[in-house]
Amino acid sequence: MNSELITKKIYEEHQDEFLESCSSIEELSEMYGVDKIANVFCLILNPDHNNYDSLLTNLELEDNNPMTSCGYTDTNAGFIDNGEVARIGIFSLTTSIDELKNKLSDVLLGIHQIK
């Protein structure tokens, strides 16, 4: 099974955790103060990677299109032995999977575009 299918399955299995008791991505976005939703992704990340904090923080603080990070969930998707973490990334401007792969490099283990 490829990484996108695994990530999609993790999102579907843990949707309640990702949505933090909200009924939809739109409600979750509103709770975090996001006015406009262009793209939403489920990201599976390696929290033990040396660059985890810095790459994630850079993406969340990016000047032109910061990621709103929410729905933090521990997961055991099988990408690494020690377990992974997953979160929802919400963007107000269009962002591609390739852009995220480039910006998160080796920290990103799996990605699924929700919206």
PDB file of N, CA and C in Angstrom:
ATOM      1  N   MET A   1       0.858  -1.184   0.000  1.00  0.00           N
ATOM      2  CA  MET A   1       0.000   0.000   0.000  1.00  0.00           C
ATOM      3  C   MET A   1       0.897   1.239   0.000  1.00  0.00           C
ATOM      4  N   ASN A   2       0.595   2.209  -0.866  1.00  0.00           N
ATOM      5  CA  ASN A   2       1.447   3.398  -0.926  1.00  0.00           C
ATOM      6  C   ASN A   2       1.150   4.361   0.221  1.00  0.00           C
ATOM      7  N   SER A   3       2.050   5.323   0.411  1.00  0.00           N
ATOM      8  CA  SER A   3       1.960   6.209   1.581  1.00  0.00           C
ATOM      9  C   SER A   3       0.691   7.064   1.593  1.00  0.00           C
ATOM     10  N   GLU A   4       0.210   7.476   0.407  1.00  0.00           N
ATOM     11  CA  GLU A   4      -1.016   8.285   0.396  1.00  0.00           C
ATOM     12  C   GLU A   4      -2.224   7.461   0.823  1.00  0.00           C
ATOM     13  N   LEU A   5      -2.301   6.218   0.387  1.00  0.00           N
ATOM     14  CA  LEU A   5      -3.417   5.354   0.792  1.00  0.00           C
ATOM     15  C   LEU A   5      -3.367   5.045   2.287  1.00  0.00           C
ATOM     16  N   ILE A   6      -2.157   4.826   2.805  1.00  0.00           N
ATOM     17  CA  ILE A   6      -2.006   4.600   4.240  1.00  0.00           C
ATOM     18  C   ILE A   6      -2.451   5.831   5.012  1.00  0.00           C
ATOM     19  N   THR A   7      -2.035   7.000   4.560  1.00  0.00           N
ATOM     20  CA  THR A   7      -2.393   8.248   5.243  1.00  0.00           C
ATOM     21  C   THR A   7      -3.896   8.500   5.174  1.00  0.00           C
ATOM     22  N   LYS A   8      -4.497   8.222   4.032  1.00  0.00           N
ATOM     23  CA  LYS A   8      -5.951   8.364   3.893  1.00  0.00           C
ATOM     24  C   LYS A   8      -6.667   7.432   4.872  1.00  0.00           C
ATOM     25  N   LYS A   9      -6.196   6.203   4.971  1.00  0.00           N
ATOM     26  CA  LYS A   9      -6.798   5.236   5.892  1.00  0.00           C
ATOM     27  C   LYS A   9      -6.674   5.715   7.340  1.00  0.00           C
ATOM     28  N   ILE A  10      -5.503   6.233   7.715  1.00  0.00           N
ATOM     29  CA  ILE A  10      -5.296   6.766   9.071  1.00  0.00           C
ATOM     30  C   ILE A  10      -6.265   7.918   9.325  1.00  0.00           C
ATOM     31  N   TYR A  11      -6.420   8.815   8.339  1.00  0.00           N
ATOM     32  CA  TYR A  11      -7.351   9.938   8.497  1.00  0.00           C
ATOM     33  C   TYR A  11      -8.779   9.425   8.708  1.00  0.00           C
ATOM     34  N   GLU A  12      -9.186   8.491   7.899  1.00  0.00           N
ATOM     35  CA  GLU A  12     -10.551   7.964   8.012  1.00  0.00           C
ATOM     36  C   GLU A  12     -10.783   7.254   9.341  1.00  0.00           C
ATOM     37  N   GLU A  13      -9.791   6.503   9.817  1.00  0.00           N
ATOM     38  CA  GLU A  13      -9.924   5.775  11.078  1.00  0.00           C
ATOM     39  C   GLU A  13      -9.912   6.680  12.302  1.00  0.00           C
ATOM     40  N   HIS A  14      -9.248   7.820  12.198  1.00  0.00           N
ATOM     41  CA  HIS A  14      -9.081   8.721  13.341  1.00  0.00           C
ATOM     42  C   HIS A  14      -9.720  10.094  13.103  1.00  0.00           C
ATOM     43  N   GLN A  15     -10.699  10.143  12.233  1.00  0.00           N
ATOM     44  CA  GLN A  15     -11.296  11.415  11.848  1.00  0.00           C
ATOM     45  C   GLN A  15     -11.812  12.212  13.051  1.00  0.00           C
ATOM     46  N   ASP A  16     -12.411  11.550  14.032  1.00  0.00           N
ATOM     47  CA  ASP A  16     -12.917  12.261  15.207  1.00  0.00           C
ATOM     48  C   ASP A  16     -11.789  12.962  15.959  1.00  0.00           C
ATOM     49  N   GLU A  17     -10.649  12.300  16.100  1.00  0.00           N
ATOM     50  CA  GLU A  17      -9.496  12.919  16.764  1.00  0.00           C
ATOM     51  C   GLU A  17      -8.977  14.096  15.948  1.00  0.00           C
ATOM     52  N   PHE A  18      -8.845  13.916  14.630  1.00  0.00           N
ATOM     53  CA  PHE A  18      -8.346  14.982  13.772  1.00  0.00           C
ATOM     54  C   PHE A  18      -9.257  16.208  13.806  1.00  0.00           C
ATOM     55  N   LEU A  19     -10.545  15.978  13.858  1.00  0.00           N
ATOM     56  CA  LEU A  19     -11.501  17.100  13.833  1.00  0.00           C
ATOM     57  C   LEU A  19     -11.746  17.706  15.210  1.00  0.00           C
ATOM     58  N   GLU A  20     -11.100  17.170  16.226  1.00  0.00           N
ATOM     59  CA  GLU A  20     -11.176  17.727  17.587  1.00  0.00           C
ATOM     60  C   GLU A  20     -12.616  18.000  18.021  1.00  0.00           C
ATOM     61  N   SER A  21     -13.485  17.026  17.829  1.00  0.00           N
ATOM     62  CA  SER A  21     -14.905  17.095  18.197  1.00  0.00           C
ATOM     63  C   SER A  21     -15.717  18.050  17.329  1.00  0.00           C
ATOM     64  N   CYS A  22     -15.150  18.562  16.259  1.00  0.00           N
ATOM     65  CA  CYS A  22     -15.907  19.386  15.323  1.00  0.00           C
ATOM     66  C   CYS A  22     -16.605  18.462  14.323  1.00  0.00           C
ATOM     67  N   SER A  23     -17.631  18.978  13.681  1.00  0.00           N
ATOM     68  CA  SER A  23     -18.394  18.152  12.746  1.00  0.00           C
ATOM     69  C   SER A  23     -17.839  18.181  11.327  1.00  0.00           C
ATOM     70  N   SER A  24     -16.915  19.126  11.046  1.00  0.00           N
ATOM     71  CA  SER A  24     -16.389  19.245   9.685  1.00  0.00           C
ATOM     72  C   SER A  24     -15.049  19.988   9.696  1.00  0.00           C
ATOM     73  N   ILE A  25     -14.367  19.907   8.570  1.00  0.00           N
ATOM     74  CA  ILE A  25     -13.121  20.672   8.397  1.00  0.00           C
ATOM     75  C   ILE A  25     -13.416  22.167   8.507  1.00  0.00           C
ATOM     76  N   GLU A  26     -14.548  22.588   7.967  1.00  0.00           N
ATOM     77  CA  GLU A  26     -14.906  24.008   8.019  1.00  0.00           C
ATOM     78  C   GLU A  26     -15.086  24.482   9.462  1.00  0.00           C
ATOM     79  N   GLU A  27     -15.741  23.676  10.277  1.00  0.00           N
ATOM     80  CA  GLU A  27     -15.932  24.024  11.685  1.00  0.00           C
ATOM     81  C   GLU A  27     -14.584  24.043  12.426  1.00  0.00           C
ATOM     82  N   LEU A  28     -13.730  23.072  12.128  1.00  0.00           N
ATOM     83  CA  LEU A  28     -12.391  23.038  12.728  1.00  0.00           C
ATOM     84  C   LEU A  28     -11.600  24.280  12.336  1.00  0.00           C
ATOM     85  N   SER A  29     -11.664  24.638  11.074  1.00  0.00           N
ATOM     86  CA  SER A  29     -10.963  25.832  10.586  1.00  0.00           C
ATOM     87  C   SER A  29     -11.458  27.084  11.289  1.00  0.00           C
ATOM     88  N   GLU A  30     -12.749  27.181  11.441  1.00  0.00           N
ATOM     89  CA  GLU A  30     -13.343  28.332  12.130  1.00  0.00           C
ATOM     90  C   GLU A  30     -12.860  28.398  13.580  1.00  0.00           C
ATOM     91  N   MET A  31     -12.777  27.245  14.229  1.00  0.00           N
ATOM     92  CA  MET A  31     -12.310  27.188  15.613  1.00  0.00           C
ATOM     93  C   MET A  31     -10.874  27.722  15.734  1.00  0.00           C
ATOM     94  N   TYR A  32     -10.062  27.514  14.699  1.00  0.00           N
ATOM     95  CA  TYR A  32      -8.678  27.975  14.697  1.00  0.00           C
ATOM     96  C   TYR A  32      -8.511  29.350  14.059  1.00  0.00           C
ATOM     97  N   GLY A  33      -9.614  29.981  13.686  1.00  0.00           N
ATOM     98  CA  GLY A  33      -9.551  31.336  13.147  1.00  0.00           C
ATOM     99  C   GLY A  33      -9.143  31.434  11.694  1.00  0.00           C
ATOM    100  N   VAL A  34      -9.291  30.358  10.947  1.00  0.00           N
ATOM    101  CA  VAL A  34      -8.958  30.376   9.520  1.00  0.00           C
ATOM    102  C   VAL A  34     -10.182  30.893   8.762  1.00  0.00           C
ATOM    103  N   ASP A  35     -10.013  32.021   8.056  1.00  0.00           N
ATOM    104  CA  ASP A  35     -11.130  32.630   7.341  1.00  0.00           C
ATOM    105  C   ASP A  35     -11.408  31.969   6.000  1.00  0.00           C
ATOM    106  N   LYS A  36     -10.337  31.595   5.308  1.00  0.00           N
ATOM    107  CA  LYS A  36     -10.479  31.021   3.965  1.00  0.00           C
ATOM    108  C   LYS A  36      -9.703  29.713   3.915  1.00  0.00           C
ATOM    109  N   ILE A  37     -10.321  28.682   3.350  1.00  0.00           N
ATOM    110  CA  ILE A  37      -9.673  27.381   3.213  1.00  0.00           C
ATOM    111  C   ILE A  37      -9.404  27.125   1.737  1.00  0.00           C
ATOM    112  N   ALA A  38      -8.128  26.985   1.383  1.00  0.00           N
ATOM    113  CA  ALA A  38      -7.780  26.621   0.006  1.00  0.00           C
ATOM    114  C   ALA A  38      -7.482  25.130  -0.085  1.00  0.00           C
ATOM    115  N   ASN A  39      -6.641  24.651   0.831  1.00  0.00           N
ATOM    116  CA  ASN A  39      -6.271  23.233   0.851  1.00  0.00           C
ATOM    117  C   ASN A  39      -6.178  22.737   2.280  1.00  0.00           C
ATOM    118  N   VAL A  40      -6.486  21.463   2.452  1.00  0.00           N
ATOM    119  CA  VAL A  40      -6.365  20.804   3.750  1.00  0.00           C
ATOM    120  C   VAL A  40      -5.705  19.449   3.508  1.00  0.00           C
ATOM    121  N   PHE A  41      -4.716  19.137   4.338  1.00  0.00           N
ATOM    122  CA  PHE A  41      -3.975  17.890   4.202  1.00  0.00           C
ATOM    123  C   PHE A  41      -3.907  17.164   5.534  1.00  0.00           C
ATOM    124  N   CYS A  42      -3.870  15.857   5.468  1.00  0.00           N
ATOM    125  CA  CYS A  42      -3.506  15.042   6.613  1.00  0.00           C
ATOM    126  C   CYS A  42      -2.035  14.711   6.416  1.00  0.00           C
ATOM    127  N   LEU A  43      -1.227  15.003   7.415  1.00  0.00           N
ATOM    128  CA  LEU A  43       0.217  14.799   7.342  1.00  0.00           C
ATOM    129  C   LEU A  43       0.637  13.782   8.394  1.00  0.00           C
ATOM    130  N   ILE A  44       1.424  12.811   8.007  1.00  0.00           N
ATOM    131  CA  ILE A  44       2.048  11.907   8.967  1.00  0.00           C
ATOM    132  C   ILE A  44       3.523  12.263   8.992  1.00  0.00           C
ATOM    133  N   LEU A  45       4.013  12.535  10.199  1.00  0.00           N
ATOM    134  CA  LEU A  45       5.360  13.089  10.371  1.00  0.00           C
ATOM    135  C   LEU A  45       6.190  12.254  11.331  1.00  0.00           C
ATOM    136  N   ASN A  46       7.501  12.380  11.192  1.00  0.00           N
ATOM    137  CA  ASN A  46       8.442  11.710  12.074  1.00  0.00           C
ATOM    138  C   ASN A  46       8.874  12.688  13.169  1.00  0.00           C
ATOM    139  N   PRO A  47       8.338  12.568  14.384  1.00  0.00           N
ATOM    140  CA  PRO A  47       8.661  13.523  15.447  1.00  0.00           C
ATOM    141  C   PRO A  47      10.077  13.350  15.998  1.00  0.00           C
ATOM    142  N   ASP A  48      10.734  12.250  15.663  1.00  0.00           N
ATOM    143  CA  ASP A  48      12.091  12.008  16.149  1.00  0.00           C
ATOM    144  C   ASP A  48      13.166  12.528  15.200  1.00  0.00           C
ATOM    145  N   HIS A  49      12.763  13.018  14.042  1.00  0.00           N
ATOM    146  CA  HIS A  49      13.721  13.549  13.075  1.00  0.00           C
ATOM    147  C   HIS A  49      14.341  14.839  13.632  1.00  0.00           C
ATOM    148  N   ASN A  50      15.626  15.030  13.400  1.00  0.00           N
ATOM    149  CA  ASN A  50      16.337  16.211  13.921  1.00  0.00           C
ATOM    150  C   ASN A  50      15.708  17.528  13.491  1.00  0.00           C
ATOM    151  N   ASN A  51      15.124  17.582  12.308  1.00  0.00           N
ATOM    152  CA  ASN A  51      14.571  18.832  11.777  1.00  0.00           C
ATOM    153  C   ASN A  51      13.060  18.962  11.973  1.00  0.00           C
ATOM    154  N   TYR A  52      12.465  18.057  12.718  1.00  0.00           N
ATOM    155  CA  TYR A  52      11.006  18.054  12.884  1.00  0.00           C
ATOM    156  C   TYR A  52      10.493  19.416  13.365  1.00  0.00           C
ATOM    157  N   ASP A  53      10.991  19.886  14.485  1.00  0.00           N
ATOM    158  CA  ASP A  53      10.489  21.143  15.054  1.00  0.00           C
ATOM    159  C   ASP A  53      10.734  22.327  14.130  1.00  0.00           C
ATOM    160  N   SER A  54      11.930  22.439  13.588  1.00  0.00           N
ATOM    161  CA  SER A  54      12.256  23.613  12.779  1.00  0.00           C
ATOM    162  C   SER A  54      11.474  23.626  11.461  1.00  0.00           C
ATOM    163  N   LEU A  55      11.365  22.494  10.780  1.00  0.00           N
ATOM    164  CA  LEU A  55      10.630  22.476   9.514  1.00  0.00           C
ATOM    165  C   LEU A  55       9.142  22.733   9.716  1.00  0.00           C
ATOM    166  N   LEU A  56       8.571  22.157  10.749  1.00  0.00           N
ATOM    167  CA  LEU A  56       7.155  22.363  11.025  1.00  0.00           C
ATOM    168  C   LEU A  56       6.891  23.816  11.432  1.00  0.00           C
ATOM    169  N   THR A  57       7.743  24.348  12.285  1.00  0.00           N
ATOM    170  CA  THR A  57       7.597  25.745  12.714  1.00  0.00           C
ATOM    171  C   THR A  57       7.734  26.691  11.530  1.00  0.00           C
ATOM    172  N   ASN A  58       8.696  26.446  10.650  1.00  0.00           N
ATOM    173  CA  ASN A  58       8.865  27.293   9.461  1.00  0.00           C
ATOM    174  C   ASN A  58       7.603  27.294   8.609  1.00  0.00           C
ATOM    175  N   LEU A  59       6.979  26.149   8.470  1.00  0.00           N
ATOM    176  CA  LEU A  59       5.759  26.056   7.676  1.00  0.00           C
ATOM    177  C   LEU A  59       4.603  26.790   8.355  1.00  0.00           C
ATOM    178  N   GLU A  60       4.532  26.708   9.670  1.00  0.00           N
ATOM    179  CA  GLU A  60       3.468  27.383  10.422  1.00  0.00           C
ATOM    180  C   GLU A  60       3.659  28.897  10.484  1.00  0.00           C
ATOM    181  N   LEU A  61       4.891  29.354  10.313  1.00  0.00           N
ATOM    182  CA  LEU A  61       5.180  30.788  10.400  1.00  0.00           C
ATOM    183  C   LEU A  61       5.495  31.422   9.049  1.00  0.00           C
ATOM    184  N   GLU A  62       5.330  30.686   7.980  1.00  0.00           N
ATOM    185  CA  GLU A  62       5.626  31.183   6.645  1.00  0.00           C
ATOM    186  C   GLU A  62       4.860  32.474   6.379  1.00  0.00           C
ATOM    187  N   ASP A  63       5.537  33.438   5.785  1.00  0.00           N
ATOM    188  CA  ASP A  63       4.947  34.770   5.573  1.00  0.00           C
ATOM    189  C   ASP A  63       3.732  34.777   4.655  1.00  0.00           C
ATOM    190  N   ASN A  64       3.838  34.168   3.480  1.00  0.00           N
ATOM    191  CA  ASN A  64       2.758  34.322   2.503  1.00  0.00           C
ATOM    192  C   ASN A  64       1.636  33.289   2.614  1.00  0.00           C
ATOM    193  N   ASN A  65       1.884  32.126   3.223  1.00  0.00           N
ATOM    194  CA  ASN A  65       0.839  31.110   3.323  1.00  0.00           C
ATOM    195  C   ASN A  65       1.123  30.173   4.494  1.00  0.00           C
ATOM    196  N   PRO A  66       0.987  30.677   5.718  1.00  0.00           N
ATOM    197  CA  PRO A  66       1.286  29.814   6.869  1.00  0.00           C
ATOM    198  C   PRO A  66       0.278  28.674   7.001  1.00  0.00           C
ATOM    199  N   MET A  67       0.790  27.546   7.483  1.00  0.00           N
ATOM    200  CA  MET A  67      -0.072  26.401   7.724  1.00  0.00           C
ATOM    201  C   MET A  67      -0.671  26.515   9.123  1.00  0.00           C
ATOM    202  N   THR A  68      -1.973  26.337   9.215  1.00  0.00           N
ATOM    203  CA  THR A  68      -2.615  26.199  10.507  1.00  0.00           C
ATOM    204  C   THR A  68      -2.593  24.717  10.826  1.00  0.00           C
ATOM    205  N   SER A  69      -1.953  24.386  11.924  1.00  0.00           N
ATOM    206  CA  SER A  69      -1.730  23.002  12.308  1.00  0.00           C
ATOM    207  C   SER A  69      -2.697  22.637  13.428  1.00  0.00           C
ATOM    208  N   CYS A  70      -3.465  21.569  13.241  1.00  0.00           N
ATOM    209  CA  CYS A  70      -4.434  21.158  14.252  1.00  0.00           C
ATOM    210  C   CYS A  70      -4.660  19.656  14.176  1.00  0.00           C
ATOM    211  N   GLY A  71      -5.477  19.149  15.052  1.00  0.00           N
ATOM    212  CA  GLY A  71      -5.822  17.743  15.029  1.00  0.00           C
ATOM    213  C   GLY A  71      -4.663  16.808  15.288  1.00  0.00           C
ATOM    214  N   TYR A  72      -3.765  17.197  16.178  1.00  0.00           N
ATOM    215  CA  TYR A  72      -2.591  16.379  16.485  1.00  0.00           C
ATOM    216  C   TYR A  72      -3.031  15.009  16.999  1.00  0.00           C
ATOM    217  N   THR A  73      -2.489  13.948  16.400  1.00  0.00           N
ATOM    218  CA  THR A  73      -2.858  12.583  16.761  1.00  0.00           C
ATOM    219  C   THR A  73      -1.631  11.688  16.703  1.00  0.00           C
ATOM    220  N   ASP A  74      -1.426  10.893  17.741  1.00  0.00           N
ATOM    221  CA  ASP A  74      -0.384   9.868  17.680  1.00  0.00           C
ATOM    222  C   ASP A  74      -0.896   8.752  16.797  1.00  0.00           C
ATOM    223  N   THR A  75      -0.008   8.195  16.007  1.00  0.00           N
ATOM    224  CA  THR A  75      -0.431   7.115  15.121  1.00  0.00           C
ATOM    225  C   THR A  75       0.666   6.065  15.037  1.00  0.00           C
ATOM    226  N   ASN A  76       0.292   4.916  14.596  1.00  0.00           N
ATOM    227  CA  ASN A  76       1.240   3.839  14.368  1.00  0.00           C
ATOM    228  C   ASN A  76       0.957   3.288  12.971  1.00  0.00           C
ATOM    229  N   ALA A  77       1.312   4.083  11.973  1.00  0.00           N
ATOM    230  CA  ALA A  77       1.002   3.735  10.588  1.00  0.00           C
ATOM    231  C   ALA A  77       1.997   2.763   9.980  1.00  0.00           C
ATOM    232  N   GLY A  78       3.130   2.562  10.645  1.00  0.00           N
ATOM    233  CA  GLY A  78       4.108   1.599  10.166  1.00  0.00           C
ATOM    234  C   GLY A  78       5.213   2.171   9.308  1.00  0.00           C
ATOM    235  N   PHE A  79       5.295   3.496   9.205  1.00  0.00           N
ATOM    236  CA  PHE A  79       6.370   4.098   8.414  1.00  0.00           C
ATOM    237  C   PHE A  79       7.723   3.968   9.116  1.00  0.00           C
ATOM    238  N   ILE A  80       7.709   4.106  10.452  1.00  0.00           N
ATOM    239  CA  ILE A  80       8.929   3.973  11.246  1.00  0.00           C
ATOM    240  C   ILE A  80       8.611   3.111  12.464  1.00  0.00           C
ATOM    241  N   ASP A  81       9.636   2.578  13.088  1.00  0.00           N
ATOM    242  CA  ASP A  81       9.443   1.675  14.227  1.00  0.00           C
ATOM    243  C   ASP A  81       8.906   2.365  15.473  1.00  0.00           C
ATOM    244  N   ASN A  82       9.339   3.585  15.724  1.00  0.00           N
ATOM    245  CA  ASN A  82       8.997   4.266  16.980  1.00  0.00           C
ATOM    246  C   ASN A  82       7.638   4.949  16.969  1.00  0.00           C
ATOM    247  N   GLY A  83       6.924   4.893  15.887  1.00  0.00           N
ATOM    248  CA  GLY A  83       5.625   5.560  15.817  1.00  0.00           C
ATOM    249  C   GLY A  83       5.736   6.937  15.202  1.00  0.00           C
ATOM    250  N   GLU A  84       4.627   7.401  14.736  1.00  0.00           N
ATOM    251  CA  GLU A  84       4.584   8.691  14.056  1.00  0.00           C
ATOM    252  C   GLU A  84       3.530   9.574  14.707  1.00  0.00           C
ATOM    253  N   VAL A  85       3.504  10.819  14.283  1.00  0.00           N
ATOM    254  CA  VAL A  85       2.438  11.725  14.683  1.00  0.00           C
ATOM    255  C   VAL A  85       1.743  12.197  13.411  1.00  0.00           C
ATOM    256  N   ALA A  86       0.484  12.516  13.544  1.00  0.00           N
ATOM    257  CA  ALA A  86      -0.276  13.009  12.403  1.00  0.00           C
ATOM    258  C   ALA A  86      -0.985  14.283  12.815  1.00  0.00           C
ATOM    259  N   ARG A  87      -1.234  15.102  11.841  1.00  0.00           N
ATOM    260  CA  ARG A  87      -1.951  16.354  12.081  1.00  0.00           C
ATOM    261  C   ARG A  87      -2.621  16.799  10.805  1.00  0.00           C
ATOM    262  N   ILE A  88      -3.531  17.719  10.973  1.00  0.00           N
ATOM    263  CA  ILE A  88      -4.193  18.360   9.849  1.00  0.00           C
ATOM    264  C   ILE A  88      -3.466  19.671   9.581  1.00  0.00           C
ATOM    265  N   GLY A  89      -3.185  19.933   8.324  1.00  0.00           N
ATOM    266  CA  GLY A  89      -2.587  21.201   7.910  1.00  0.00           C
ATOM    267  C   GLY A  89      -3.571  21.938   7.027  1.00  0.00           C
ATOM    268  N   ILE A  90      -3.957  23.150   7.453  1.00  0.00           N
ATOM    269  CA  ILE A  90      -4.926  23.947   6.710  1.00  0.00           C
ATOM    270  C   ILE A  90      -4.200  25.145   6.109  1.00  0.00           C
ATOM    271  N   PHE A  91      -4.437  25.394   4.824  1.00  0.00           N
ATOM    272  CA  PHE A  91      -3.811  26.504   4.114  1.00  0.00           C
ATOM    273  C   PHE A  91      -4.873  27.423   3.525  1.00  0.00           C
ATOM    274  N   SER A  92      -4.643  28.727   3.623  1.00  0.00           N
ATOM    275  CA  SER A  92      -5.573  29.716   3.068  1.00  0.00           C
ATOM    276  C   SER A  92      -5.327  29.971   1.589  1.00  0.00           C
ATOM    277  N   LEU A  93      -4.108  29.690   1.129  1.00  0.00           N
ATOM    278  CA  LEU A  93      -3.768  29.818  -0.285  1.00  0.00           C
ATOM    279  C   LEU A  93      -3.422  28.436  -0.821  1.00  0.00           C
ATOM    280  N   THR A  94      -3.607  28.250  -2.106  1.00  0.00           N
ATOM    281  CA  THR A  94      -3.363  26.953  -2.724  1.00  0.00           C
ATOM    282  C   THR A  94      -1.934  26.479  -2.481  1.00  0.00           C
ATOM    283  N   THR A  95      -1.826  25.246  -2.054  1.00  0.00           N
ATOM    284  CA  THR A  95      -0.550  24.586  -1.783  1.00  0.00           C
ATOM    285  C   THR A  95      -0.618  23.193  -2.388  1.00  0.00           C
ATOM    286  N   SER A  96       0.477  22.755  -2.975  1.00  0.00           N
ATOM    287  CA  SER A  96       0.474  21.431  -3.595  1.00  0.00           C
ATOM    288  C   SER A  96       1.171  20.405  -2.711  1.00  0.00           C
ATOM    289  N   ILE A  97       0.878  19.164  -2.977  1.00  0.00           N
ATOM    290  CA  ILE A  97       1.544  18.076  -2.273  1.00  0.00           C
ATOM    291  C   ILE A  97       3.049  18.159  -2.506  1.00  0.00           C
ATOM    292  N   ASP A  98       3.452  18.451  -3.732  1.00  0.00           N
ATOM    293  CA  ASP A  98       4.887  18.554  -4.029  1.00  0.00           C
ATOM    294  C   ASP A  98       5.556  19.668  -3.229  1.00  0.00           C
ATOM    295  N   GLU A  99       4.868  20.810  -3.059  1.00  0.00           N
ATOM    296  CA  GLU A  99       5.419  21.893  -2.239  1.00  0.00           C
ATOM    297  C   GLU A  99       5.639  21.431  -0.804  1.00  0.00           C
ATOM    298  N   LEU A 100       4.658  20.731  -0.254  1.00  0.00           N
ATOM    299  CA  LEU A 100       4.781  20.252   1.124  1.00  0.00           C
ATOM    300  C   LEU A 100       5.877  19.206   1.254  1.00  0.00           C
ATOM    301  N   LYS A 101       5.972  18.324   0.290  1.00  0.00           N
ATOM    302  CA  LYS A 101       7.050  17.331   0.314  1.00  0.00           C
ATOM    303  C   LYS A 101       8.400  18.020   0.310  1.00  0.00           C
ATOM    304  N   ASN A 102       8.532  19.073  -0.477  1.00  0.00           N
ATOM    305  CA  ASN A 102       9.782  19.816  -0.552  1.00  0.00           C
ATOM    306  C   ASN A 102      10.081  20.546   0.760  1.00  0.00           C
ATOM    307  N   LYS A 103       9.082  21.186   1.327  1.00  0.00           N
ATOM    308  CA  LYS A 103       9.281  21.983   2.550  1.00  0.00           C
ATOM    309  C   LYS A 103       9.491  21.121   3.789  1.00  0.00           C
ATOM    310  N   LEU A 104       8.867  19.957   3.836  1.00  0.00           N
ATOM    311  CA  LEU A 104       8.984  19.096   5.017  1.00  0.00           C
ATOM    312  C   LEU A 104      10.022  17.988   4.846  1.00  0.00           C
ATOM    313  N   SER A 105      10.514  17.805   3.669  1.00  0.00           N
ATOM    314  CA  SER A 105      11.552  16.824   3.312  1.00  0.00           C
ATOM    315  C   SER A 105      11.391  15.498   4.053  1.00  0.00           C
ATOM    316  N   ASP A 106      12.439  15.050   4.707  1.00  0.00           N
ATOM    317  CA  ASP A 106      12.455  13.727   5.338  1.00  0.00           C
ATOM    318  C   ASP A 106      11.561  13.610   6.570  1.00  0.00           C
ATOM    319  N   VAL A 107      11.039  14.714   7.055  1.00  0.00           N
ATOM    320  CA  VAL A 107      10.142  14.682   8.223  1.00  0.00           C
ATOM    321  C   VAL A 107       8.767  14.140   7.811  1.00  0.00           C
ATOM    322  N   LEU A 108       8.383  14.382   6.563  1.00  0.00           N
ATOM    323  CA  LEU A 108       7.080  13.962   6.046  1.00  0.00           C
ATOM    324  C   LEU A 108       7.134  12.497   5.630  1.00  0.00           C
ATOM    325  N   LEU A 109       6.293  11.681   6.249  1.00  0.00           N
ATOM    326  CA  LEU A 109       6.242  10.256   5.940  1.00  0.00           C
ATOM    327  C   LEU A 109       5.068   9.908   5.044  1.00  0.00           C
ATOM    328  N   GLY A 110       3.964  10.633   5.213  1.00  0.00           N
ATOM    329  CA  GLY A 110       2.762  10.370   4.426  1.00  0.00           C
ATOM    330  C   GLY A 110       1.912  11.615   4.329  1.00  0.00           C
ATOM    331  N   ILE A 111       1.191  11.740   3.223  1.00  0.00           N
ATOM    332  CA  ILE A 111       0.333  12.905   3.016  1.00  0.00           C
ATOM    333  C   ILE A 111      -0.915  12.474   2.240  1.00  0.00           C
ATOM    334  N   HIS A 112      -2.035  13.076   2.639  1.00  0.00           N
ATOM    335  CA  HIS A 112      -3.302  12.841   1.956  1.00  0.00           C
ATOM    336  C   HIS A 112      -4.032  14.178   1.864  1.00  0.00           C
ATOM    337  N   GLN A 113      -4.433  14.554   0.659  1.00  0.00           N
ATOM    338  CA  GLN A 113      -5.166  15.805   0.489  1.00  0.00           C
ATOM    339  C   GLN A 113      -6.629  15.578   0.789  1.00  0.00           C
ATOM    340  N   ILE A 114      -7.132  16.294   1.788  1.00  0.00           N
ATOM    341  CA  ILE A 114      -8.525  16.187   2.218  1.00  0.00           C
ATOM    342  C   ILE A 114      -9.395  17.127   1.395  1.00  0.00           C
ATOM    343  N   LYS A 115      -8.866  18.312   1.167  1.00  0.00           N
ATOM    344  CA  LYS A 115      -9.604  19.335   0.398  1.00  0.00           C
ATOM    345  C   LYS A 115      -8.644  20.121  -0.437  1.00  0.00           C
TER     346      LYS A 115
END
